[in-house]
Amino acid sequence: MNKAIVTGASGLLGRAILKSFDADPGWEVVGLAKSRARDGLLCHDLLHADATEELLQRERPTVVIHAAAERKPDVCEGRPEFTQALNVTASSTLCEAAKAVDAWVLFISTDYVFDGTQPPYHPRDTPHPLNAYGESKLGGEEATLRVNPGNAALRVPILYGEVERLEESAVTEIACSLLDSTPVKMDHWAVRRPTLVDDVGSACLQLANHQVSSQSCRGIWHFSGDESMTKYDMALAMGRVIGLDSSHIEPDEQPPPGAPRPHDCSLDCAEFDARCSVVRSSFTSVIGDFLRPHLP
C-alpha cells in the first residue's frame, strides 16, 4: 500500500486532501498539523528541520502533499521573515527529507505567482508575483523542484469548502457581509476563479496515482474552477442561493487596499485536464451547502 503525508492537514484545503486520500483503499494517509492538531493528526512544526527529517525517516511515505503555508497576503507583507521561513525554507527542508526516503513531493502553490495582466496563464508562463505571498510561494516552488526535479507543484486559486467558521475562507467570509445589513463596498476589481477544496483534493489524488504508476507528474500543474467572478459577483450569487438581501452591498471597482493583488490571474488548466479527470463543482450549485450551517 502507498503512504501519503499531508502537511497543513487541519486547514481548509488540507482536510479535503486528507479526505480524498483516506477514501482511496490504495492509500494510507498521515496528516500533519501544528496549532490545530487533533482528530488523529500528528502535531508537527515544519520549522524544526531535525524533527521533519526524523518524521519522514520514521513514516517513509510514498508521496508528500505539502499544503501547509502562510497564505494570507496581508499577513505575509507584515511578517516577511516568518513567511520566508515557512513557505520557502521549511518547504526546502521537507523536500530534502522526502528525497532521502525516495518520496515524491507535490507542493501546493497559488495563482498569485502571476501579476494578472495577461490571463489565462499556462504552467510555463513566466511568473511575476506582486506581493510577498506570491513571492514566497514561487520560492517554495523553486525549492521543491531544485531539491528534486521529479517533484511537482500544483497552482490553485481562491478556495472554498466546508469551513469551521465563515472567516476560514476568503470566499465564505463574504457571507458575513450578507448577514450584516450595514452598507459595505465589495471588491469588484479582482477577477478570481473560486475553486472547491474537494475538487483540489481529487486533483492531488489523481496526480499522486499517476506519479506512482508512471513517474510522470513532475513540474508545474494548474487546477481551478471554471467560473470567473469578483467577490462582488460571489456575494450576489450567495445572496440568491441562501435567500439573503444583498442590496446593501455595493461594487468597488478600485484595486483592494493592503498587499498588491493581481487583476486577473486565471489559470490555463488544459495540461492537467489532458492527464486527469476531475469534474469541477459549480459555485452556485454547492456554495449554499457550506453557508447554511453557519446561518442564524
Protein backbone atom coordinates (compact mmCIF):
# COMPACT_ATOMS: atom_id res chain seq x y z
CA MET A 1 0.00 0.00 0.00
CA ASN A 2 1.16 3.53 -0.75
CA LYS A 3 1.50 6.07 2.04
CA ALA A 4 0.84 9.81 1.79
CA ILE A 5 1.77 12.54 4.24
CA VAL A 6 -0.35 15.69 4.07
CA THR A 7 1.03 18.83 5.71
CA GLY A 8 -1.37 21.53 6.88
CA ALA A 9 -3.95 18.77 7.33
CA SER A 10 -6.08 20.75 9.79
CA GLY A 11 -6.64 23.59 7.32
CA LEU A 12 -9.46 24.05 4.84
CA LEU A 13 -7.53 22.55 1.93
CA GLY A 14 -5.57 20.04 3.99
CA ARG A 15 -8.75 18.49 5.39
CA ALA A 16 -10.10 17.96 1.88
CA ILE A 17 -6.85 16.43 0.62
CA LEU A 18 -6.74 14.13 3.64
CA LYS A 19 -10.34 13.08 2.96
CA SER A 20 -9.59 12.26 -0.69
CA PHE A 21 -6.63 10.02 0.13
CA ASP A 22 -8.41 8.42 3.08
CA ALA A 23 -11.28 7.38 0.79
CA ASP A 24 -8.92 5.56 -1.60
CA PRO A 25 -8.22 1.99 -0.42
CA GLY A 26 -4.84 2.08 -2.12
CA TRP A 27 -3.53 4.70 0.27
CA GLU A 28 -2.62 5.05 3.91
CA VAL A 29 -2.56 8.71 4.85
CA VAL A 30 -0.92 10.62 7.72
CA GLY A 31 -1.96 14.20 8.42
CA LEU A 32 0.35 16.77 9.99
CA ALA A 33 -0.79 19.91 11.79
CA LYS A 34 0.59 22.34 14.31
CA SER A 35 -1.82 24.72 16.05
CA ARG A 36 -4.95 22.64 15.34
CA ALA A 37 -3.56 19.11 15.65
CA ARG A 38 -6.49 16.88 16.61
CA ASP A 39 -8.69 14.05 15.34
CA GLY A 40 -5.75 11.73 14.76
CA LEU A 41 -3.45 14.32 13.20
CA LEU A 42 0.23 14.32 14.16
CA CYS A 43 1.43 17.52 15.83
CA HIS A 44 4.47 18.70 13.92
CA ASP A 45 6.26 22.03 13.47
CA LEU A 46 7.74 22.23 9.98
CA LEU A 47 10.12 24.94 11.15
CA HIS A 48 12.05 22.28 13.10
CA ALA A 49 14.27 20.75 10.43
CA ASP A 50 15.62 17.85 12.51
CA ALA A 51 12.12 16.81 13.56
CA THR A 52 10.97 16.88 9.92
CA GLU A 53 13.83 14.62 8.87
CA GLU A 54 13.12 12.22 11.73
CA LEU A 55 9.41 12.13 10.89
CA LEU A 56 9.94 11.20 7.25
CA GLN A 57 12.56 8.61 8.15
CA ARG A 58 10.04 7.02 10.51
CA GLU A 59 6.96 7.23 8.27
CA ARG A 60 8.73 6.64 4.93
CA PRO A 61 5.89 7.96 2.73
CA THR A 62 5.47 7.35 -0.98
CA VAL A 63 4.30 10.94 -1.54
CA VAL A 64 4.09 14.16 0.45
CA ILE A 65 1.33 16.66 -0.32
CA HIS A 66 2.66 19.93 1.07
CA ALA A 67 -0.34 22.16 1.78
CA ALA A 68 0.95 23.96 4.90
CA ALA A 69 1.73 27.64 4.35
CA GLU A 70 1.17 31.18 5.49
CA ARG A 71 -1.47 32.06 2.90
CA LYS A 72 -2.87 35.47 3.87
CA PRO A 73 -1.28 38.15 1.65
CA ASP A 74 -1.57 40.96 4.20
CA VAL A 75 -0.02 38.78 6.93
CA CYS A 76 2.82 37.84 4.58
CA GLU A 77 3.54 41.53 3.92
CA GLY A 78 3.73 42.22 7.65
CA ARG A 79 5.74 39.11 8.61
CA PRO A 80 8.23 38.61 5.78
CA GLU A 81 10.79 36.62 7.81
CA PHE A 82 8.22 34.15 9.13
CA THR A 83 6.65 33.84 5.68
CA GLN A 84 10.04 33.07 4.14
CA ALA A 85 10.83 30.54 6.87
CA LEU A 86 7.57 28.62 6.48
CA ASN A 87 6.75 28.95 2.79
CA VAL A 88 10.29 28.60 1.42
CA THR A 89 12.89 27.35 3.91
CA ALA A 90 10.66 24.74 5.56
CA SER A 91 9.50 23.59 2.12
CA SER A 92 13.11 23.06 1.06
CA THR A 93 13.83 21.14 4.26
CA LEU A 94 10.78 18.96 3.75
CA CYS A 95 11.82 18.19 0.17
CA GLU A 96 15.34 17.24 1.28
CA ALA A 97 13.87 14.88 3.88
CA ALA A 98 11.49 13.43 1.28
CA LYS A 99 14.30 12.91 -1.21
CA ALA A 100 16.24 10.94 1.41
CA VAL A 101 13.40 8.37 1.60
CA ASP A 102 12.64 8.48 -2.14
CA ALA A 103 9.29 10.24 -1.66
CA TRP A 104 7.67 12.46 -4.29
CA VAL A 105 6.53 15.93 -3.17
CA LEU A 106 3.53 17.84 -4.53
CA PHE A 107 3.86 21.47 -3.41
CA ILE A 108 0.58 23.38 -3.28
CA SER A 109 1.12 26.80 -4.83
CA THR A 110 -1.02 29.73 -5.95
CA ASP A 111 -2.20 31.72 -8.94
CA TYR A 112 -0.69 34.74 -7.15
CA VAL A 113 2.71 33.88 -8.66
CA PHE A 114 1.41 35.87 -11.66
CA ASP A 115 0.80 39.61 -11.99
CA GLY A 116 -2.67 39.30 -13.52
CA THR A 117 -2.02 41.29 -16.68
CA GLN A 118 -2.16 38.53 -19.34
CA PRO A 119 -4.55 35.73 -18.35
CA PRO A 120 -5.12 32.87 -18.67
CA TYR A 121 -1.72 31.66 -17.51
CA HIS A 122 -0.08 28.50 -18.81
CA PRO A 123 2.18 26.48 -16.44
CA ARG A 124 5.26 27.55 -18.40
CA ASP A 125 4.43 31.27 -18.46
CA THR A 126 6.94 33.42 -16.61
CA PRO A 127 5.82 34.20 -13.03
CA HIS A 128 5.81 37.78 -11.78
CA PRO A 129 4.33 37.96 -8.27
CA LEU A 130 3.14 41.33 -6.99
CA ASN A 131 3.20 40.61 -3.25
CA ALA A 132 5.20 38.80 -0.57
CA TYR A 133 2.79 35.87 -0.53
CA GLY A 134 3.21 35.23 -4.25
CA GLU A 135 6.98 35.69 -3.98
CA SER A 136 7.20 33.18 -1.13
CA LYS A 137 5.09 30.59 -2.93
CA LEU A 138 7.21 30.99 -6.05
CA GLY A 139 10.24 30.50 -3.84
CA GLY A 140 8.65 27.34 -2.46
CA GLU A 141 8.03 26.04 -5.98
CA GLU A 142 11.62 26.71 -6.96
CA ALA A 143 12.96 25.00 -3.84
CA THR A 144 10.71 21.98 -4.41
CA LEU A 145 11.93 21.46 -7.97
CA ARG A 146 15.55 22.34 -7.19
CA VAL A 147 15.86 19.71 -4.48
CA ASN A 148 14.28 17.08 -6.75
CA PRO A 149 13.37 17.92 -10.37
CA GLY A 150 10.98 14.95 -10.26
CA ASN A 151 8.77 16.76 -7.73
CA ALA A 152 5.76 18.84 -8.73
CA ALA A 153 3.83 21.99 -7.82
CA LEU A 154 0.09 22.45 -8.19
CA ARG A 155 -1.08 26.06 -8.51
CA VAL A 156 -4.63 26.74 -7.34
CA PRO A 157 -6.65 29.96 -6.87
CA ILE A 158 -9.02 31.22 -4.16
CA LEU A 159 -10.58 28.26 -2.31
CA TYR A 160 -13.82 27.45 -0.52
CA GLY A 161 -15.44 24.40 1.04
CA GLU A 162 -16.70 23.04 4.35
CA VAL A 163 -15.46 25.63 6.83
CA GLU A 164 -15.30 25.54 10.63
CA ARG A 165 -16.26 29.23 10.61
CA LEU A 166 -17.14 31.57 7.77
CA GLU A 167 -13.90 33.53 8.17
CA GLU A 168 -11.79 30.44 7.43
CA SER A 169 -12.10 31.06 3.68
CA ALA A 170 -11.91 34.38 1.86
CA VAL A 171 -14.90 33.14 -0.14
CA THR A 172 -17.26 32.11 2.65
CA GLU A 173 -16.19 35.18 4.64
CA ILE A 174 -18.12 37.21 2.06
CA ALA A 175 -21.33 35.86 3.60
CA CYS A 176 -20.59 37.82 6.78
CA SER A 177 -21.44 40.96 4.83
CA LEU A 178 -24.75 39.40 3.75
CA LEU A 179 -25.62 38.69 7.39
CA ASP A 180 -24.94 42.31 8.38
CA SER A 181 -27.22 44.90 6.78
CA THR A 182 -24.63 47.68 7.18
CA PRO A 183 -23.83 49.20 3.76
CA VAL A 184 -20.47 47.93 2.54
CA LYS A 185 -18.36 48.04 -0.60
CA MET A 186 -17.20 44.72 -2.05
CA ASP A 187 -14.26 44.17 -4.39
CA HIS A 188 -15.47 44.19 -7.99
CA TRP A 189 -12.00 44.64 -9.50
CA ALA A 190 -10.04 41.42 -8.96
CA VAL A 191 -11.27 38.52 -11.10
CA ARG A 192 -10.96 35.12 -9.41
CA ARG A 193 -11.96 31.55 -10.13
CA PRO A 194 -13.33 30.18 -6.84
CA THR A 195 -12.43 26.51 -6.51
CA LEU A 196 -13.87 23.84 -4.23
CA VAL A 197 -11.24 22.24 -1.99
CA ASP A 198 -12.80 18.80 -2.50
CA ASP A 199 -12.02 19.15 -6.22
CA VAL A 200 -8.43 20.10 -5.39
CA GLY A 201 -8.22 17.05 -3.12
CA SER A 202 -9.31 14.88 -6.04
CA ALA A 203 -6.74 16.60 -8.27
CA CYS A 204 -3.96 15.85 -5.79
CA LEU A 205 -5.00 12.21 -5.51
CA GLN A 206 -5.11 11.74 -9.27
CA LEU A 207 -1.68 13.33 -9.74
CA ALA A 208 -0.29 11.11 -6.97
CA ASN A 209 -1.79 7.99 -8.53
CA HIS A 210 -0.32 8.89 -11.92
CA GLN A 211 3.05 9.54 -10.31
CA VAL A 212 3.06 6.19 -8.52
CA SER A 213 2.08 4.30 -11.66
CA SER A 214 4.20 6.08 -14.25
CA GLN A 215 6.59 8.58 -12.55
CA SER A 216 5.27 11.17 -14.99
CA CYS A 217 3.91 14.08 -12.94
CA ARG A 218 6.95 16.28 -12.48
CA GLY A 219 6.94 20.05 -12.87
CA ILE A 220 4.19 22.68 -12.70
CA TRP A 221 0.45 21.96 -12.92
CA HIS A 222 -2.58 24.25 -12.86
CA PHE A 223 -6.04 23.48 -11.49
CA SER A 224 -9.00 25.78 -10.85
CA GLY A 225 -12.74 26.16 -11.10
CA ASP A 226 -14.24 27.32 -14.39
CA GLU A 227 -16.24 30.38 -13.28
CA SER A 228 -14.65 33.84 -13.31
CA MET A 229 -16.10 36.03 -10.55
CA THR A 230 -15.22 39.04 -8.43
CA LYS A 231 -16.01 38.98 -4.73
CA TYR A 232 -18.99 41.22 -5.50
CA ASP A 233 -20.22 38.63 -8.02
CA MET A 234 -19.83 35.94 -5.36
CA ALA A 235 -21.76 38.00 -2.83
CA LEU A 236 -24.72 38.42 -5.21
CA ALA A 237 -24.65 34.70 -6.05
CA MET A 238 -24.58 33.77 -2.36
CA GLY A 239 -27.47 36.08 -1.62
CA ARG A 240 -29.59 34.44 -4.29
CA VAL A 241 -28.68 30.91 -3.18
CA ILE A 242 -29.37 31.35 0.53
CA GLY A 243 -32.15 33.92 0.22
CA LEU A 244 -30.44 36.93 1.82
CA ASP A 245 -30.73 40.53 0.67
CA SER A 246 -27.58 41.88 -0.99
CA SER A 247 -28.86 45.36 -1.89
CA HIS A 248 -26.66 46.96 0.82
CA ILE A 249 -23.50 45.63 -0.86
CA GLU A 250 -22.04 47.98 -3.45
CA PRO A 251 -19.44 47.13 -6.09
CA ASP A 252 -15.99 48.63 -5.56
CA GLU A 253 -14.17 48.86 -8.88
CA GLN A 254 -10.89 50.07 -7.39
CA PRO A 255 -7.97 47.74 -6.54
CA PRO A 256 -8.36 46.49 -2.95
CA PRO A 257 -6.22 48.02 -0.18
CA GLY A 258 -3.35 46.19 1.52
CA ALA A 259 -0.91 43.90 -0.26
CA PRO A 260 -0.99 44.41 -4.04
CA ARG A 261 -3.28 41.93 -5.79
CA PRO A 262 -3.27 40.84 -9.44
CA HIS A 263 -6.26 41.87 -11.55
CA ASP A 264 -6.91 38.51 -13.22
CA CYS A 265 -4.56 35.57 -12.79
CA SER A 266 -6.87 32.90 -14.21
CA LEU A 267 -5.07 29.62 -14.84
CA ASP A 268 -4.95 27.59 -18.05
CA CYS A 269 -5.66 24.02 -16.88
CA ALA A 270 -5.50 22.25 -20.25
CA GLU A 271 -2.41 20.20 -19.41
CA PHE A 272 -3.93 18.99 -16.16
CA ASP A 273 -7.19 18.09 -17.92
CA ALA A 274 -5.26 16.09 -20.52
CA ARG A 275 -3.77 13.96 -17.75
CA CYS A 276 -6.51 13.82 -15.10
CA SER A 277 -10.29 13.85 -14.97
CA VAL A 278 -11.79 15.99 -12.20
CA VAL A 279 -15.33 17.31 -12.63
CA ARG A 280 -15.38 20.92 -11.42
CA SER A 281 -18.13 21.82 -8.99
CA SER A 282 -20.39 24.72 -9.92
CA PHE A 283 -20.07 27.57 -7.43
CA THR A 284 -23.77 28.40 -7.37
CA SER A 285 -24.72 24.72 -7.07
CA VAL A 286 -22.65 23.96 -3.97
CA ILE A 287 -21.86 27.19 -2.11
CA GLY A 288 -25.14 27.09 -0.18
CA ASP A 289 -24.18 23.75 1.36
CA PHE A 290 -21.24 25.39 3.10
CA LEU A 291 -23.02 28.56 4.16
CA ARG A 292 -26.28 27.23 5.60
CA PRO A 293 -24.72 25.53 8.68
CA HIS A 294 -23.43 28.97 9.75
CA LEU A 295 -26.62 30.96 9.23
CA PRO A 296 -28.52 32.18 12.31
